[in-house]
Amino acid sequence: MLLPAEIETRTSVPAIRALIARKLLKEHRMSQQGVAQLLGVTQAAVSNYLRGRRGSIFNESDLMKIEDVVNEICSMMVDNDSPSNIIAKFNDACRIIRQNRMLCDVHKQLDPSIDVAGCHVCDGTEESEWKPISLKQ
């Protein structure tokens, strides 16, 4: 069983980083090394983002859905905003990807047994039996 969080780690996170890298390089005229430092990756990873060898899982119309959040992340990074604020905004981008079911096709490719048409775990419309648990004993 492949969890959506695993797919997100393999696809969404690199895709968001690739968008951020491209914007920081083009619009903020940063070097690949500077972008790598901001993203916490290597310069080689940034190079792979730019060449489309990493983080190119989504099509352009899907990426437009997170463009505003990516722009905010870039501005926050350039302005040296707090890491927790940037992480929260990055999480917003991941949430948008999940809610727009952008991972479903990838999930089906990686785990053919999954019924993506009947699954609504990521978009938040599936009813569950979730109940909060207490961590105190």
Protein backbone atom coordinates (compact mmCIF):
# COMPACT_ATOMS: atom_id res chain seq x y z
CA MET A 1 0.00 0.00 0.00
CA LEU A 2 1.42 3.32 -1.09
CA LEU A 3 0.39 6.30 1.03
CA PRO A 4 -0.45 9.69 -0.51
CA ALA A 5 2.24 11.28 1.68
CA GLU A 6 4.86 9.06 0.02
CA ILE A 7 3.73 10.14 -3.42
CA GLU A 8 3.69 13.76 -2.31
CA THR A 9 7.29 13.47 -1.14
CA ARG A 10 8.38 11.97 -4.45
CA THR A 11 6.41 14.29 -6.73
CA SER A 12 4.84 17.40 -5.20
CA VAL A 13 7.81 18.54 -3.16
CA PRO A 14 10.28 18.37 -6.08
CA ALA A 15 7.72 20.01 -8.40
CA ILE A 16 7.23 22.92 -6.00
CA ARG A 17 10.98 23.27 -5.52
CA ALA A 18 11.47 23.28 -9.30
CA LEU A 19 8.95 26.11 -9.71
CA ILE A 20 10.56 28.09 -6.91
CA ALA A 21 14.03 27.53 -8.38
CA ARG A 22 12.95 28.76 -11.82
CA LYS A 23 11.30 31.86 -10.38
CA LEU A 24 14.21 32.76 -8.12
CA LEU A 25 16.64 32.41 -11.00
CA LYS A 26 14.58 34.30 -13.57
CA GLU A 27 12.68 36.91 -11.62
CA HIS A 28 15.07 37.49 -8.72
CA ARG A 29 18.28 36.95 -10.71
CA MET A 30 19.76 34.57 -8.18
CA SER A 31 22.53 32.09 -8.89
CA GLN A 32 21.95 28.35 -8.86
CA GLN A 33 24.11 28.13 -5.74
CA GLY A 34 22.06 30.83 -4.00
CA VAL A 35 18.81 29.08 -4.91
CA ALA A 36 20.24 25.77 -3.68
CA GLN A 37 21.07 27.31 -0.32
CA LEU A 38 17.59 28.78 0.07
CA LEU A 39 15.92 25.49 -0.86
CA GLY A 40 18.30 23.33 1.19
CA VAL A 41 19.33 21.25 -1.82
CA THR A 42 22.49 20.93 -3.87
CA GLN A 43 23.35 23.08 -6.87
CA ALA A 44 23.13 19.88 -8.95
CA ALA A 45 19.52 19.43 -7.81
CA VAL A 46 18.72 22.98 -8.91
CA SER A 47 20.33 22.25 -12.28
CA ASN A 48 18.15 19.14 -12.60
CA TYR A 49 15.04 21.21 -11.75
CA LEU A 50 15.91 23.65 -14.52
CA ARG A 51 16.53 20.92 -17.10
CA GLY A 52 13.27 19.17 -16.20
CA ARG A 53 15.05 16.06 -14.97
CA ARG A 54 13.52 16.55 -11.53
CA GLY A 55 10.19 17.97 -10.40
CA SER A 56 8.46 17.90 -13.77
CA ILE A 57 5.58 15.55 -12.97
CA PHE A 58 2.69 18.02 -13.39
CA ASN A 59 1.45 19.74 -16.54
CA GLU A 60 1.41 23.51 -16.93
CA SER A 61 -2.33 23.92 -16.28
CA ASP A 62 -2.00 22.04 -12.98
CA LEU A 63 0.98 24.14 -11.96
CA MET A 64 -1.03 27.31 -12.52
CA LYS A 65 -3.16 26.25 -9.52
CA ILE A 66 -0.20 26.75 -7.17
CA GLU A 67 1.46 29.69 -8.95
CA ASP A 68 0.24 32.30 -6.45
CA VAL A 69 1.53 30.30 -3.48
CA VAL A 70 4.86 29.71 -5.23
CA ASN A 71 5.18 33.46 -5.84
CA GLU A 72 4.55 34.08 -2.15
CA ILE A 73 7.16 31.49 -1.16
CA CYS A 74 9.73 33.14 -3.44
CA SER A 75 9.03 36.57 -1.97
CA MET A 76 9.26 35.19 1.55
CA MET A 77 12.60 33.53 0.79
CA VAL A 78 14.06 36.66 -0.80
CA ASP A 79 12.83 38.75 2.16
CA ASN A 80 14.37 36.27 4.65
CA ASP A 81 11.02 35.49 6.25
CA SER A 82 11.06 32.98 9.09
CA PRO A 83 11.53 29.33 8.11
CA SER A 84 8.29 28.36 9.87
CA ASN A 85 6.31 30.84 7.76
CA ILE A 86 7.91 29.52 4.57
CA ILE A 87 7.23 25.93 5.61
CA ALA A 88 3.59 26.80 6.30
CA LYS A 89 3.25 28.34 2.85
CA PHE A 90 4.97 25.31 1.27
CA ASN A 91 2.42 23.15 3.08
CA ASP A 92 -0.35 25.30 1.57
CA ALA A 93 0.98 24.46 -1.90
CA CYS A 94 0.95 20.74 -1.06
CA ARG A 95 -2.62 21.05 0.24
CA ILE A 96 -3.74 22.70 -3.01
CA ILE A 97 -2.14 19.86 -4.98
CA ARG A 98 -3.96 17.27 -2.86
CA GLN A 99 -7.31 19.05 -2.97
CA ASN A 100 -7.15 19.39 -6.74
CA ARG A 101 -6.47 15.64 -7.05
CA MET A 102 -3.23 16.29 -8.92
CA LEU A 103 -1.62 13.18 -7.40
CA CYS A 104 -4.31 10.67 -8.41
CA ASP A 105 -2.90 9.70 -11.81
CA VAL A 106 0.57 9.26 -10.33
CA HIS A 107 -0.88 7.17 -7.50
CA LYS A 108 -2.65 4.92 -10.01
CA GLN A 109 0.59 4.48 -12.00
CA LEU A 110 2.57 3.58 -8.91
CA ASP A 111 -0.14 1.42 -7.32
CA PRO A 112 -2.49 -0.04 -9.97
CA SER A 113 -4.64 -1.68 -7.28
CA ILE A 114 -5.89 1.69 -6.00
CA ASP A 115 -9.33 2.89 -7.10
CA VAL A 116 -8.53 6.57 -7.62
CA ALA A 117 -12.02 7.34 -8.93
CA GLY A 118 -13.57 6.21 -5.66
CA CYS A 119 -10.84 7.60 -3.43
CA HIS A 120 -11.24 11.05 -1.93
CA VAL A 121 -8.67 10.91 0.85
CA CYS A 122 -6.57 13.78 -0.50
CA ASP A 123 -9.34 16.11 -1.57
CA GLY A 124 -10.93 16.01 1.88
CA THR A 125 -14.40 14.90 0.81
CA GLU A 126 -14.17 11.34 2.07
CA GLU A 127 -15.95 10.64 5.31
CA SER A 128 -13.87 8.85 7.85
CA GLU A 129 -14.16 7.42 11.30
CA TRP A 130 -11.35 9.66 12.53
CA LYS A 131 -11.45 10.55 16.17
CA PRO A 132 -8.81 12.53 18.03
CA ILE A 133 -6.70 10.54 20.44
CA SER A 134 -5.21 11.67 23.66
CA LEU A 135 -1.48 11.38 24.03
CA LYS A 136 -1.71 11.66 27.80
CA GLN A 137 -1.80 8.38 29.68
